[in-house]
Amino acid sequence: MALHNELGEQGEKMAEAWLKEKGYEILHLNWKYSYYEIDIIALKNKILHIIEVKSRKYFPGAFPEESVTQKKFRRLQRAADQFLALNPGYKWMQYDVLAVTVYRNGRVEYFLMEDIYLR
């Protein structure tokens, strides 16, 4: 497995643990439908959270959340549409991006961008 894929998997595991600490109920990890995927689907305060996780090793001036493009966001929306079609009943939903930055000394930093929308 490529190193960036390993970091991505580790980042998603760290993100899952961090979200649980913050009171999120994790419903699905890496939910797939056709060729669409949602990294984490979670519930908190009756709001369904569709979460894209981006993990990177620290590099000055580079931020993991910047790698969420309009194209990626549209794919995330399509995946969420499919999820909601198969799982009706959620009244509120939002898209979030959780950036996980891993520093050389092992420190991990989390940055949650909530209720985002990219055109």
Protein backbone atom coordinates (compact mmCIF):
# COMPACT_ATOMS: atom_id res chain seq x y z
CA MET A 1 0.00 0.00 0.00
CA ALA A 2 1.30 3.48 -0.86
CA LEU A 3 2.39 5.66 2.06
CA HIS A 4 -0.25 8.31 1.32
CA ASN A 5 -2.94 5.60 1.45
CA GLU A 6 -1.61 4.38 4.80
CA LEU A 7 -1.69 7.92 6.17
CA GLY A 8 -5.22 8.30 4.82
CA GLU A 9 -6.38 5.15 6.62
CA GLN A 10 -4.61 6.17 9.83
CA GLY A 11 -6.11 9.64 9.54
CA GLU A 12 -9.60 8.22 9.21
CA LYS A 13 -9.08 6.07 12.31
CA MET A 14 -7.78 9.08 14.25
CA ALA A 15 -10.71 11.16 12.96
CA GLU A 16 -13.18 8.50 14.09
CA ALA A 17 -11.72 8.47 17.61
CA TRP A 18 -11.64 12.28 17.76
CA LEU A 19 -15.25 12.58 16.62
CA LYS A 20 -16.37 10.03 19.23
CA GLU A 21 -14.58 12.09 21.91
CA LYS A 22 -16.54 15.12 20.71
CA GLY A 23 -19.86 13.31 21.10
CA TYR A 24 -20.53 12.11 17.56
CA GLU A 25 -22.20 8.75 17.01
CA ILE A 26 -20.42 7.05 14.12
CA LEU A 27 -22.96 5.39 11.82
CA HIS A 28 -20.75 4.34 8.91
CA LEU A 29 -17.09 4.36 7.93
CA ASN A 30 -16.13 4.40 4.24
CA TRP A 31 -19.73 4.04 3.10
CA LYS A 32 -19.77 3.15 -0.60
CA TYR A 33 -22.43 3.24 -3.26
CA SER A 34 -21.42 2.52 -6.84
CA TYR A 35 -18.23 4.54 -7.25
CA TYR A 36 -19.11 7.14 -4.62
CA GLU A 37 -17.75 7.04 -1.08
CA ILE A 38 -18.29 8.91 2.17
CA ASP A 39 -15.43 8.69 4.67
CA ILE A 40 -17.56 9.06 7.81
CA ILE A 41 -21.29 9.34 8.37
CA ALA A 42 -22.09 10.44 11.90
CA LEU A 43 -24.93 11.76 14.01
CA LYS A 44 -24.77 14.51 16.63
CA ASN A 45 -27.64 16.53 18.08
CA LYS A 46 -30.06 14.99 15.54
CA ILE A 47 -27.93 16.29 12.64
CA LEU A 48 -26.55 13.85 10.09
CA HIS A 49 -22.92 14.71 9.33
CA ILE A 50 -21.41 13.71 5.99
CA ILE A 51 -17.69 13.99 6.73
CA GLU A 52 -14.78 14.08 4.31
CA VAL A 53 -11.50 13.35 6.09
CA LYS A 54 -8.24 14.74 4.72
CA SER A 55 -4.96 13.71 6.34
CA ARG A 56 -1.49 15.09 5.67
CA LYS A 57 1.93 15.17 7.20
CA TYR A 58 2.77 18.70 8.28
CA PHE A 59 4.32 20.85 5.59
CA PRO A 60 4.51 24.64 6.04
CA GLY A 61 1.81 26.39 4.02
CA ALA A 62 0.00 23.19 3.02
CA PHE A 63 -3.33 22.46 4.65
CA PRO A 64 -5.21 19.15 4.25
CA GLU A 65 -8.60 20.83 3.91
CA GLU A 66 -7.43 22.68 0.78
CA SER A 67 -7.45 19.39 -1.12
CA VAL A 68 -11.26 19.24 -1.11
CA THR A 69 -12.06 20.44 -4.62
CA GLN A 70 -15.39 21.33 -6.17
CA LYS A 71 -15.28 18.04 -8.06
CA LYS A 72 -14.68 16.08 -4.85
CA PHE A 73 -17.47 17.99 -3.12
CA ARG A 74 -19.93 17.19 -5.95
CA ARG A 75 -19.05 13.50 -5.62
CA LEU A 76 -19.63 13.76 -1.87
CA GLN A 77 -23.04 15.33 -2.54
CA ARG A 78 -23.98 12.54 -4.94
CA ALA A 79 -22.95 9.94 -2.38
CA ALA A 80 -25.01 11.71 0.29
CA ASP A 81 -28.01 11.82 -2.06
CA GLN A 82 -27.74 8.05 -2.51
CA PHE A 83 -27.33 7.49 1.23
CA LEU A 84 -30.43 9.57 1.99
CA ALA A 85 -32.44 7.79 -0.72
CA LEU A 86 -31.57 4.45 0.88
CA ASN A 87 -31.88 5.76 4.46
CA PRO A 88 -34.75 8.26 4.59
CA GLY A 89 -35.87 9.96 7.75
CA TYR A 90 -33.05 12.34 8.55
CA LYS A 91 -34.43 15.83 9.00
CA TRP A 92 -31.15 17.76 9.10
CA MET A 93 -27.88 17.09 7.33
CA GLN A 94 -24.64 18.93 6.78
CA TYR A 95 -21.33 18.44 5.01
CA ASP A 96 -18.16 18.70 7.08
CA VAL A 97 -14.45 18.44 6.33
CA LEU A 98 -12.15 17.13 9.05
CA ALA A 99 -8.49 17.93 8.41
CA VAL A 100 -5.95 15.81 10.27
CA THR A 101 -2.37 17.09 10.34
CA VAL A 102 0.37 14.82 11.68
CA TYR A 103 3.59 16.49 12.83
CA ARG A 104 7.06 14.94 12.87
CA ASN A 105 7.05 14.75 16.67
CA GLY A 106 3.83 12.70 16.54
CA ARG A 107 1.51 15.51 17.56
CA VAL A 108 -1.82 15.44 15.73
CA GLU A 109 -3.93 18.49 14.99
CA TYR A 110 -7.62 18.36 14.03
CA PHE A 111 -9.49 21.11 12.21
CA LEU A 112 -13.22 20.61 11.66
CA MET A 113 -14.91 22.76 9.03
CA GLU A 114 -18.62 22.40 9.66
CA ASP A 115 -21.60 22.89 7.38
CA ILE A 116 -19.58 23.68 4.26
CA TYR A 117 -20.79 24.18 0.73
CA LEU A 118 -18.64 24.51 -2.38
CA ARG A 119 -20.12 25.66 -5.66
